[in-house]
C-alpha atoms as a PDB file:
ATOM      1  CA  MET A   1     122.545 163.053  92.115  1.00  0.00           C
ATOM      2  CA  ARG A   2     125.379 161.512  90.774  1.00  0.00           C
ATOM      3  CA  SER A   3     123.068 159.049  88.430  1.00  0.00           C
ATOM      4  CA  ARG A   4     121.719 162.356  86.715  1.00  0.00           C
ATOM      5  CA  THR A   5     125.166 163.560  85.841  1.00  0.00           C
ATOM      6  CA  PRO A   6     125.525 161.749  82.619  1.00  0.00           C
ATOM      7  CA  GLY A   7     122.057 163.022  81.471  1.00  0.00           C
ATOM      8  CA  MET A   8     122.692 166.334  82.857  1.00  0.00           C
ATOM      9  CA  GLN A   9     126.010 166.144  80.718  1.00  0.00           C
ATOM     10  CA  LEU A  10     124.871 165.292  77.449  1.00  0.00           C
ATOM     11  CA  ARG A  11     121.530 167.900  77.812  1.00  0.00           C
ATOM     12  CA  ARG A  12     124.138 171.041  78.241  1.00  0.00           C
ATOM     13  CA  LEU A  13     126.592 169.339  75.381  1.00  0.00           C
ATOM     14  CA  LEU A  14     123.739 169.426  73.060  1.00  0.00           C
ATOM     15  CA  ALA A  15     122.534 172.634  74.115  1.00  0.00           C
ATOM     16  CA  GLY A  16     125.905 174.097  73.407  1.00  0.00           C
ATOM     17  CA  THR A  17     125.965 172.412  69.939  1.00  0.00           C
ATOM     18  CA  THR A  18     122.398 174.081  69.035  1.00  0.00           C
ATOM     19  CA  GLY A  19     123.989 177.238  70.111  1.00  0.00           C
ATOM     20  CA  LEU A  20     127.197 176.792  68.200  1.00  0.00           C
ATOM     21  CA  THR A  21     125.000 175.251  65.026  1.00  0.00           C
ATOM     22  CA  PHE A  22     122.886 178.513  65.462  1.00  0.00           C
ATOM     23  CA  VAL A  23     125.705 181.199  65.166  1.00  0.00           C
ATOM     24  CA  LEU A  24     127.572 179.369  62.017  1.00  0.00           C
ATOM     25  CA  MET A  25     124.224 179.751  60.456  1.00  0.00           C
ATOM     26  CA  LEU A  26     124.365 183.371  60.858  1.00  0.00           C
ATOM     27  CA  LEU A  27     127.765 183.718  60.022  1.00  0.00           C
ATOM     28  CA  GLY A  28     126.678 182.388  56.857  1.00  0.00           C
ATOM     29  CA  VAL A  29     124.050 184.704  56.540  1.00  0.00           C
ATOM     30  CA  TYR A  30     126.214 187.688  56.753  1.00  0.00           C
ATOM     31  CA  THR A  31     128.983 186.282  54.824  1.00  0.00           C
ATOM     32  CA  ALA A  32     126.491 185.360  52.126  1.00  0.00           C
ATOM     33  CA  GLY A  33     124.758 188.925  52.114  1.00  0.00           C
ATOM     34  CA  SER A  34     128.555 190.892  52.172  1.00  0.00           C
ATOM     35  CA  GLY A  35     129.737 188.678  49.349  1.00  0.00           C
ATOM     36  CA  ALA A  36     132.566 187.827  51.460  1.00  0.00           C
ATOM     37  CA  GLY A  37     131.938 184.173  50.920  1.00  0.00           C
ATOM     38  CA  LEU A  38     133.511 185.203  46.859  1.00  0.00           C
ATOM     39  CA  THR A  39     136.754 186.764  48.268  1.00  0.00           C
ATOM     40  CA  CYS A  40     138.734 183.205  48.102  1.00  0.00           C
ATOM     41  CA  GLY A  41     136.893 182.270  44.506  1.00  0.00           C
ATOM     42  CA  ALA A  42     137.956 179.317  43.632  1.00  0.00           C
ATOM     43  CA  ARG A  43     140.948 178.214  45.882  1.00  0.00           C
ATOM     44  CA  TRP A  44     138.572 176.318  48.405  1.00  0.00           C
ATOM     45  CA  PRO A  45     139.714 175.037  50.702  1.00  0.00           C
ATOM     46  CA  PHE A  46     141.789 177.534  51.223  1.00  0.00           C
ATOM     47  CA  CYS A  47     142.065 181.367  51.262  1.00  0.00           C
ATOM     48  CA  ASP A  48     143.947 184.449  49.502  1.00  0.00           C
ATOM     49  CA  GLY A  49     146.591 185.101  52.497  1.00  0.00           C
ATOM     50  CA  ALA A  50     149.915 184.325  53.697  1.00  0.00           C
ATOM     51  CA  VAL A  51     151.518 180.629  54.333  1.00  0.00           C
ATOM     52  CA  PHE A  52     149.650 179.136  50.969  1.00  0.00           C
ATOM     53  CA  GLY A  53     146.982 180.710  51.532  1.00  0.00           C
ATOM     54  CA  LEU A  54     145.982 179.070  55.252  1.00  0.00           C
ATOM     55  CA  PHE A  55     144.932 182.905  56.097  1.00  0.00           C
ATOM     56  CA  PRO A  56     143.111 185.516  55.007  1.00  0.00           C
ATOM     57  CA  ALA A  57     144.474 188.693  53.514  1.00  0.00           C
ATOM     58  CA  ASN A  58     141.444 191.308  54.251  1.00  0.00           C
ATOM     59  CA  TRP A  59     138.973 191.868  56.896  1.00  0.00           C
ATOM     60  CA  MET A  60     136.415 190.160  53.750  1.00  0.00           C
ATOM     61  CA  SER A  61     138.229 187.178  53.579  1.00  0.00           C
ATOM     62  CA  PHE A  62     138.468 186.955  57.153  1.00  0.00           C
ATOM     63  CA  VAL A  63     135.111 186.529  57.159  1.00  0.00           C
ATOM     64  CA  GLU A  64     135.048 183.996  54.764  1.00  0.00           C
ATOM     65  CA  TRP A  65     137.803 182.191  56.720  1.00  0.00           C
ATOM     66  CA  PHE A  66     136.215 182.266  60.273  1.00  0.00           C
ATOM     67  CA  HIS A  67     132.949 180.859  58.490  1.00  0.00           C
ATOM     68  CA  ARG A  68     134.905 177.927  57.636  1.00  0.00           C
ATOM     69  CA  LEU A  69     136.848 177.890  60.818  1.00  0.00           C
ATOM     70  CA  VAL A  70     133.781 177.988  62.914  1.00  0.00           C
ATOM     71  CA  ALA A  71     132.236 175.573  60.784  1.00  0.00           C
ATOM     72  CA  MET A  72     135.058 172.811  61.095  1.00  0.00           C
ATOM     73  CA  VAL A  73     134.597 173.299  65.088  1.00  0.00           C
ATOM     74  CA  THR A  74     130.933 173.219  64.981  1.00  0.00           C
ATOM     75  CA  GLY A  75     131.102 169.928  62.879  1.00  0.00           C
ATOM     76  CA  PHE A  76     133.700 168.443  65.517  1.00  0.00           C
ATOM     77  CA  VAL A  77     131.470 169.367  68.247  1.00  0.00           C
ATOM     78  CA  ILE A  78     128.280 167.522  66.653  1.00  0.00           C
ATOM     79  CA  LEU A  79     130.917 164.731  66.038  1.00  0.00           C
ATOM     80  CA  GLY A  80     131.708 164.839  69.940  1.00  0.00           C
ATOM     81  CA  ALA A  81     127.890 164.692  71.001  1.00  0.00           C
ATOM     82  CA  ALA A  82     126.718 161.987  68.909  1.00  0.00           C
ATOM     83  CA  ALA A  83     129.838 159.988  70.432  1.00  0.00           C
ATOM     84  CA  LEU A  84     128.406 160.804  74.032  1.00  0.00           C
ATOM     85  CA  ALA A  85     125.139 160.193  73.275  1.00  0.00           C
ATOM     86  CA  TRP A  86     126.011 156.796  72.191  1.00  0.00           C
ATOM     87  CA  ARG A  87     128.687 156.122  74.721  1.00  0.00           C
ATOM     88  CA  ARG A  88     126.040 156.754  77.644  1.00  0.00           C
ATOM     89  CA  GLY A  89     122.838 155.127  75.737  1.00  0.00           C
ATOM     90  CA  ALA A  90     120.676 157.966  75.463  1.00  0.00           C
ATOM     91  CA  ASP A  91     117.414 157.925  73.769  1.00  0.00           C
ATOM     92  CA  ARG A  92     117.135 156.181  70.938  1.00  0.00           C
ATOM     93  CA  ARG A  93     115.715 159.296  69.086  1.00  0.00           C
ATOM     94  CA  VAL A  94     118.503 161.258  70.370  1.00  0.00           C
ATOM     95  CA  ARG A  95     121.436 159.252  68.960  1.00  0.00           C
ATOM     96  CA  PHE A  96     119.513 158.528  65.442  1.00  0.00           C
ATOM     97  CA  ALA A  97     119.287 162.407  64.965  1.00  0.00           C
ATOM     98  CA  LEU A  98     122.800 163.166  65.888  1.00  0.00           C
ATOM     99  CA  LEU A  99     123.564 160.664  63.386  1.00  0.00           C
ATOM    100  CA  GLY A 100     121.451 162.370  61.227  1.00  0.00           C
ATOM    101  CA  SER A 101     123.040 164.825  61.082  1.00  0.00           C
ATOM    102  CA  ILE A 102     126.609 163.777  60.879  1.00  0.00           C
ATOM    103  CA  ALA A 103     125.163 162.057  57.472  1.00  0.00           C
ATOM    104  CA  LEU A 104     124.160 165.690  56.158  1.00  0.00           C
ATOM    105  CA  LEU A 105     127.705 167.299  57.211  1.00  0.00           C
ATOM    106  CA  PRO A 106     129.530 165.896  54.164  1.00  0.00           C
ATOM    107  CA  VAL A 107     126.642 167.314  51.834  1.00  0.00           C
ATOM    108  CA  GLN A 108     126.767 170.283  53.800  1.00  0.00           C
ATOM    109  CA  ILE A 109     130.783 170.441  53.181  1.00  0.00           C
ATOM    110  CA  GLY A 110     130.121 169.761  49.423  1.00  0.00           C
ATOM    111  CA  LEU A 111     127.354 172.734  48.808  1.00  0.00           C
ATOM    112  CA  GLY A 112     129.302 175.042  50.518  1.00  0.00           C
ATOM    113  CA  ALA A 113     132.347 174.339  48.421  1.00  0.00           C
ATOM    114  CA  LEU A 114     130.311 175.136  45.935  1.00  0.00           C
ATOM    115  CA  THR A 115     128.652 178.337  47.062  1.00  0.00           C
ATOM    116  CA  VAL A 116     131.612 180.013  46.796  1.00  0.00           C
ATOM    117  CA  THR A 117     133.292 178.729  43.286  1.00  0.00           C
ATOM    118  CA  VAL A 118     133.079 181.087  40.617  1.00  0.00           C
ATOM    119  CA  GLY A 119     134.112 179.007  37.730  1.00  0.00           C
ATOM    120  CA  GLY A 120     136.528 176.575  37.009  1.00  0.00           C
ATOM    121  CA  LEU A 121     134.682 173.018  37.036  1.00  0.00           C
ATOM    122  CA  PHE A 122     131.663 174.297  38.181  1.00  0.00           C
ATOM    123  CA  PRO A 123     130.285 177.782  36.685  1.00  0.00           C
ATOM    124  CA  TRP A 124     126.802 176.973  38.184  1.00  0.00           C
ATOM    125  CA  GLY A 125     128.102 176.903  41.778  1.00  0.00           C
ATOM    126  CA  TYR A 126     127.793 180.017  42.819  1.00  0.00           C
ATOM    127  CA  SER A 127     124.164 180.265  41.808  1.00  0.00           C
ATOM    128  CA  PRO A 128     120.409 180.883  43.738  1.00  0.00           C
ATOM    129  CA  PRO A 129     119.670 176.594  43.735  1.00  0.00           C
ATOM    130  CA  VAL A 130     123.018 175.464  45.025  1.00  0.00           C
ATOM    131  CA  GLN A 131     123.118 178.465  47.830  1.00  0.00           C
ATOM    132  CA  ALA A 132     119.065 177.356  48.978  1.00  0.00           C
ATOM    133  CA  ALA A 133     120.494 173.778  48.834  1.00  0.00           C
ATOM    134  CA  HIS A 134     123.135 174.537  51.161  1.00  0.00           C
ATOM    135  CA  TYR A 135     120.804 176.710  53.449  1.00  0.00           C
ATOM    136  CA  LEU A 136     118.329 173.420  53.529  1.00  0.00           C
ATOM    137  CA  ALA A 137     121.318 171.137  54.406  1.00  0.00           C
ATOM    138  CA  ALA A 138     121.913 173.484  57.138  1.00  0.00           C
ATOM    139  CA  LEU A 139     118.581 173.752  58.446  1.00  0.00           C
ATOM    140  CA  SER A 140     118.208 169.962  58.887  1.00  0.00           C
ATOM    141  CA  ILE A 141     121.460 170.143  60.513  1.00  0.00           C
ATOM    142  CA  PHE A 142     120.299 171.955  62.913  1.00  0.00           C
ATOM    143  CA  THR A 143     116.600 170.490  62.823  1.00  0.00           C
ATOM    144  CA  LEU A 144     117.835 167.355  64.045  1.00  0.00           C
ATOM    145  CA  ILE A 145     120.415 168.971  66.618  1.00  0.00           C
ATOM    146  CA  VAL A 146     117.287 170.767  68.094  1.00  0.00           C
ATOM    147  CA  TYR A 147     115.190 167.841  67.983  1.00  0.00           C
ATOM    148  CA  ALA A 148     117.591 166.026  70.071  1.00  0.00           C
ATOM    149  CA  THR A 149     118.016 168.228  72.468  1.00  0.00           C
ATOM    150  CA  ALA A 150     113.886 168.906  73.096  1.00  0.00           C
ATOM    151  CA  ILE A 151     114.089 165.062  74.251  1.00  0.00           C
ATOM    152  CA  THR A 152     116.423 165.730  76.458  1.00  0.00           C
ATOM    153  CA  TYR A 153     114.743 168.754  78.223  1.00  0.00           C
ATOM    154  CA  ALA A 154     111.217 166.478  78.317  1.00  0.00           C
ATOM    155  CA  PRO A 155     109.107 166.192  80.595  1.00  0.00           C
ATOM    156  CA  VAL A 156     107.484 169.952  80.086  1.00  0.00           C
ATOM    157  CA  ASP A 157     104.770 171.683  82.167  1.00  0.00           C
ATOM    158  CA  ARG A 158     101.692 173.356  80.041  1.00  0.00           C
ATOM    159  CA  SER A 159     102.431 176.635  81.783  1.00  0.00           C
ATOM    160  CA  ARG A 160     105.606 176.669  79.806  1.00  0.00           C
ATOM    161  CA  LEU A 161     104.133 175.633  76.268  1.00  0.00           C
ATOM    162  CA  ARG A 162     101.661 178.477  77.182  1.00  0.00           C
ATOM    163  CA  LEU A 163     104.883 180.368  77.411  1.00  0.00           C
ATOM    164  CA  ALA A 164     106.265 179.351  74.710  1.00  0.00           C
ATOM    165  CA  ALA A 165     102.787 179.950  72.191  1.00  0.00           C
ATOM    166  CA  VAL A 166     103.193 183.122  73.300  1.00  0.00           C
ATOM    167  CA  ALA A 167     106.528 183.889  72.285  1.00  0.00           C
ATOM    168  CA  ALA A 168     106.383 182.121  69.411  1.00  0.00           C
ATOM    169  CA  VAL A 169     103.242 184.550  68.142  1.00  0.00           C
ATOM    170  CA  ALA A 170     105.420 187.671  69.061  1.00  0.00           C
ATOM    171  CA  LEU A 171     108.158 186.445  67.093  1.00  0.00           C
ATOM    172  CA  VAL A 172     106.467 186.240  63.849  1.00  0.00           C
ATOM    173  CA  PRO A 173     105.445 190.381  63.501  1.00  0.00           C
ATOM    174  CA  LEU A 174     108.954 191.277  65.453  1.00  0.00           C
ATOM    175  CA  GLY A 175     110.626 189.094  62.788  1.00  0.00           C
ATOM    176  CA  HIS A 176     108.630 190.698  60.072  1.00  0.00           C
ATOM    177  CA  LEU A 177     110.028 193.987  60.511  1.00  0.00           C
ATOM    178  CA  PHE A 178     113.389 192.665  59.645  1.00  0.00           C
ATOM    179  CA  SER A 179     112.660 191.418  56.346  1.00  0.00           C
ATOM    180  CA  PHE A 180     113.595 192.522  52.630  1.00  0.00           C
ATOM    181  CA  GLY A 181     111.141 195.619  51.666  1.00  0.00           C
ATOM    182  CA  THR A 182     109.431 196.277  55.275  1.00  0.00           C
ATOM    183  CA  VAL A 183     110.578 199.351  57.782  1.00  0.00           C
ATOM    184  CA  PHE A 184     114.942 198.620  57.848  1.00  0.00           C
ATOM    185  CA  ALA A 185     117.428 198.403  54.699  1.00  0.00           C
ATOM    186  CA  TYR A 186     118.149 194.753  53.946  1.00  0.00           C
ATOM    187  CA  THR A 187     121.887 194.753  55.142  1.00  0.00           C
ATOM    188  CA  PRO A 188     123.959 192.093  56.041  1.00  0.00           C
ATOM    189  CA  GLU A 189     123.388 193.256  59.517  1.00  0.00           C
ATOM    190  CA  THR A 190     119.940 193.332  59.347  1.00  0.00           C
ATOM    191  CA  GLN A 191     119.748 189.837  57.638  1.00  0.00           C
ATOM    192  CA  ILE A 192     121.672 188.525  60.620  1.00  0.00           C
ATOM    193  CA  VAL A 193     118.679 190.225  63.109  1.00  0.00           C
ATOM    194  CA  TYR A 194     115.917 188.682  60.538  1.00  0.00           C
ATOM    195  CA  TYR A 195     117.435 185.413  60.241  1.00  0.00           C
ATOM    196  CA  GLY A 196     118.178 185.089  64.037  1.00  0.00           C
ATOM    197  CA  LEU A 197     114.450 185.686  65.307  1.00  0.00           C
ATOM    198  CA  ALA A 198     113.842 183.058  62.751  1.00  0.00           C
ATOM    199  CA  LEU A 199     115.796 180.839  63.728  1.00  0.00           C
ATOM    200  CA  VAL A 200     114.648 180.859  66.875  1.00  0.00           C
ATOM    201  CA  LEU A 201     111.232 180.668  66.383  1.00  0.00           C
ATOM    202  CA  PHE A 202     112.075 177.713  63.994  1.00  0.00           C
ATOM    203  CA  ALA A 203     113.901 176.148  66.998  1.00  0.00           C
ATOM    204  CA  LEU A 204     110.749 177.180  69.580  1.00  0.00           C
ATOM    205  CA  LEU A 205     108.008 175.232  67.065  1.00  0.00           C
ATOM    206  CA  VAL A 206     110.590 172.097  66.700  1.00  0.00           C
ATOM    207  CA  ALA A 207     110.590 171.848  70.616  1.00  0.00           C
ATOM    208  CA  VAL A 208     107.000 172.399  70.896  1.00  0.00           C
ATOM    209  CA  GLY A 209     106.512 169.693  68.315  1.00  0.00           C
ATOM    210  CA  THR A 210     108.697 167.241  70.028  1.00  0.00           C
ATOM    211  CA  TRP A 211     107.158 168.068  73.663  1.00  0.00           C
ATOM    212  CA  GLY A 212     103.511 168.220  72.907  1.00  0.00           C
ATOM    213  CA  ARG A 213     103.283 165.092  70.389  1.00  0.00           C
ATOM    214  CA  ARG A 214     103.125 162.465  73.600  1.00  0.00           C
ATOM    215  CA  ASP A 215     100.644 164.175  75.430  1.00  0.00           C
ATOM    216  CA  ALA A 216      97.440 162.464  75.439  1.00  0.00           C
ATOM    217  CA  SER A 217      95.504 165.641  75.656  1.00  0.00           C
ATOM    218  CA  ARG A 218      93.621 166.849  72.611  1.00  0.00           C
ATOM    219  CA  GLU A 219      94.531 170.240  73.173  1.00  0.00           C
ATOM    220  CA  THR A 220      98.170 169.880  73.739  1.00  0.00           C
ATOM    221  CA  THR A 221      98.426 167.505  70.377  1.00  0.00           C
ATOM    222  CA  TRP A 222      96.735 170.428  68.443  1.00  0.00           C
ATOM    223  CA  GLN A 223      99.134 172.473  69.386  1.00  0.00           C
ATOM    224  CA  ALA A 224     101.995 170.409  68.532  1.00  0.00           C
ATOM    225  CA  SER A 225     100.828 169.761  65.038  1.00  0.00           C
ATOM    226  CA  LEU A 226     100.174 173.209  64.389  1.00  0.00           C
ATOM    227  CA  SER A 227     103.680 174.088  65.258  1.00  0.00           C
ATOM    228  CA  ILE A 228     105.027 171.553  63.343  1.00  0.00           C
ATOM    229  CA  VAL A 229     103.151 172.657  60.303  1.00  0.00           C
ATOM    230  CA  ALA A 230     104.212 176.345  60.859  1.00  0.00           C
ATOM    231  CA  GLY A 231     107.585 175.212  61.660  1.00  0.00           C
ATOM    232  CA  LEU A 232     107.517 173.474  57.547  1.00  0.00           C
ATOM    233  CA  LEU A 233     105.854 176.883  56.616  1.00  0.00           C
ATOM    234  CA  LEU A 234     108.663 178.979  58.426  1.00  0.00           C
ATOM    235  CA  ALA A 235     111.269 176.889  56.422  1.00  0.00           C
ATOM    236  CA  VAL A 236     109.782 177.924  53.395  1.00  0.00           C
ATOM    237  CA  GLN A 237     109.746 181.377  54.110  1.00  0.00           C
ATOM    238  CA  MET A 238     112.959 181.540  54.806  1.00  0.00           C
ATOM    239  CA  LEU A 239     114.383 179.819  51.846  1.00  0.00           C
ATOM    240  CA  LEU A 240     111.774 182.107  50.117  1.00  0.00           C
ATOM    241  CA  GLY A 241     113.840 185.411  52.006  1.00  0.00           C
ATOM    242  CA  ARG A 242     117.379 184.465  50.802  1.00  0.00           C
ATOM    243  CA  HIS A 243     116.282 184.997  46.925  1.00  0.00           C
ATOM    244  CA  ALA A 244     112.756 185.921  46.502  1.00  0.00           C
ATOM    245  CA  LEU A 245     113.633 189.977  46.380  1.00  0.00           C
ATOM    246  CA  ASP A 246     111.239 190.781  43.209  1.00  0.00           C
ATOM    247  CA  PRO A 247     107.619 191.926  43.892  1.00  0.00           C
ATOM    248  CA  GLN A 248     106.076 188.058  43.238  1.00  0.00           C
ATOM    249  CA  GLY A 249     108.424 186.553  44.958  1.00  0.00           C
ATOM    250  CA  LEU A 250     108.026 189.109  47.891  1.00  0.00           C
ATOM    251  CA  ILE A 251     104.308 188.588  48.126  1.00  0.00           C
ATOM    252  CA  LEU A 252     104.790 184.560  48.165  1.00  0.00           C
ATOM    253  CA  ALA A 253     107.063 185.331  51.276  1.00  0.00           C
ATOM    254  CA  ASP A 254     104.448 187.809  52.986  1.00  0.00           C
ATOM    255  CA  SER A 255     101.944 184.807  52.098  1.00  0.00           C
ATOM    256  CA  VAL A 256     103.779 182.218  53.913  1.00  0.00           C
ATOM    257  CA  ALA A 257     104.570 184.776  57.212  1.00  0.00           C
ATOM    258  CA  GLY A 258     100.629 184.921  56.983  1.00  0.00           C
ATOM    259  CA  LEU A 259      99.773 181.378  57.141  1.00  0.00           C
ATOM    260  CA  VAL A 260     102.617 181.160  59.638  1.00  0.00           C
ATOM    261  CA  PHE A 261     101.016 183.779  61.897  1.00  0.00           C
ATOM    262  CA  VAL A 262      97.585 181.848  61.567  1.00  0.00           C
ATOM    263  CA  CYS A 263      98.891 178.500  62.721  1.00  0.00           C
ATOM    264  CA  LEU A 264     100.272 180.356  65.871  1.00  0.00           C
ATOM    265  CA  LEU A 265      97.793 181.833  67.023  1.00  0.00           C
ATOM    266  CA  GLY A 266      95.184 178.627  66.468  1.00  0.00           C
ATOM    267  CA  ALA A 267      98.422 176.814  68.586  1.00  0.00           C
ATOM    268  CA  ALA A 268      98.332 179.584  71.381  1.00  0.00           C
ATOM    269  CA  TRP A 269      94.671 178.696  71.244  1.00  0.00           C
ATOM    270  CA  PHE A 270      95.068 175.595  72.009  1.00  0.00           C
ATOM    271  CA  ALA A 271      97.817 175.762  74.174  1.00  0.00           C
ATOM    272  CA  TYR A 272      95.520 177.847  76.954  1.00  0.00           C
ATOM    273  CA  ARG A 273      92.837 175.444  76.108  1.00  0.00           C
ATOM    274  CA  ALA A 274      94.742 172.957  77.651  1.00  0.00           C
ATOM    275  CA  ASP A 275      93.570 171.771  81.327  1.00  0.00           C
ATOM    276  CA  ASP A 276      96.621 171.752  83.657  1.00  0.00           C
ATOM    277  CA  ALA A 277      95.002 169.549  86.397  1.00  0.00           C
ATOM    278  CA  GLU A 278      93.959 166.577  83.208  1.00  0.00           C
ATOM    279  CA  ILE A 279      97.842 165.289  83.002  1.00  0.00           C
ATOM    280  CA  PRO A 280     100.401 167.823  84.915  1.00  0.00           C
ATOM    281  CA  LEU A 281     103.248 166.892  82.534  1.00  0.00           C
ATOM    282  CA  VAL A 282     103.744 166.602  78.728  1.00  0.00           C
ATOM    283  CA  GLY A 283     105.296 164.321  77.135  1.00  0.00           C
ATOM    284  CA  SER A 284     107.544 160.821  78.433  1.00  0.00           C
ATOM    285  CA  LEU A 285     110.515 161.523  76.501  1.00  0.00           C
ATOM    286  CA  ALA A 286     112.724 161.538  79.193  1.00  0.00           C
ATOM    287  CA  ARG A 287     114.527 158.351  79.968  1.00  0.00           C
END
């Protein structure tokens, strides 16, 4: 029992890091959607309240300030997870995935500063390309952390892969209900639900792709491959959802969502074709 403790500690820390990064991304969506990101203006990294601008002055600036606070905490947690992984001699892929996420942190901080800057030296800061790059960097960090976490939870039996396949298929139409121009008004609160469901689906696809790639079964390998393709398409869909609010953009976003759904139907079909008796456990990723 004692020999398993270090691995369990790292697994739990990585799961918590994944959850914290997820919350941070949703805070970023709300901050951008509500316009709170502009409340501190060109004062970055300060705000507009008391004590030399260290604290917020009103609710909207509090949203921006709180987002920065959670971002700082998340960055330190990622650093701590990486340090623990290296100290404990974790799987090489876990260590380098976390190292990659750390390398992206300064890029994300710089892009975050640009997205809340209006005027000054960077008049193009608050623009769709910069906002898209900011979200893409965040999604890349999230992907690496989910990948590292998934490795620590391997191997996974095929019954769980089937359950994951069903959950993934169900999440696509559910998430579409909250996308722009469908059932609900596209308020900041609706955007949180939409991106929350999309990120849960994305994390699930990264995990399935990680677990299934090492299986000797052709069916499970196909499930993993289709999950990876669906994850890449979902990333495109999420990026389009940030700014594609015109008719042409909506058609493109809906088309990508349709491709995601088709890939996931194929992944589910292969998941249910896999024979449990052939190889009981999927992958050999655990140390």
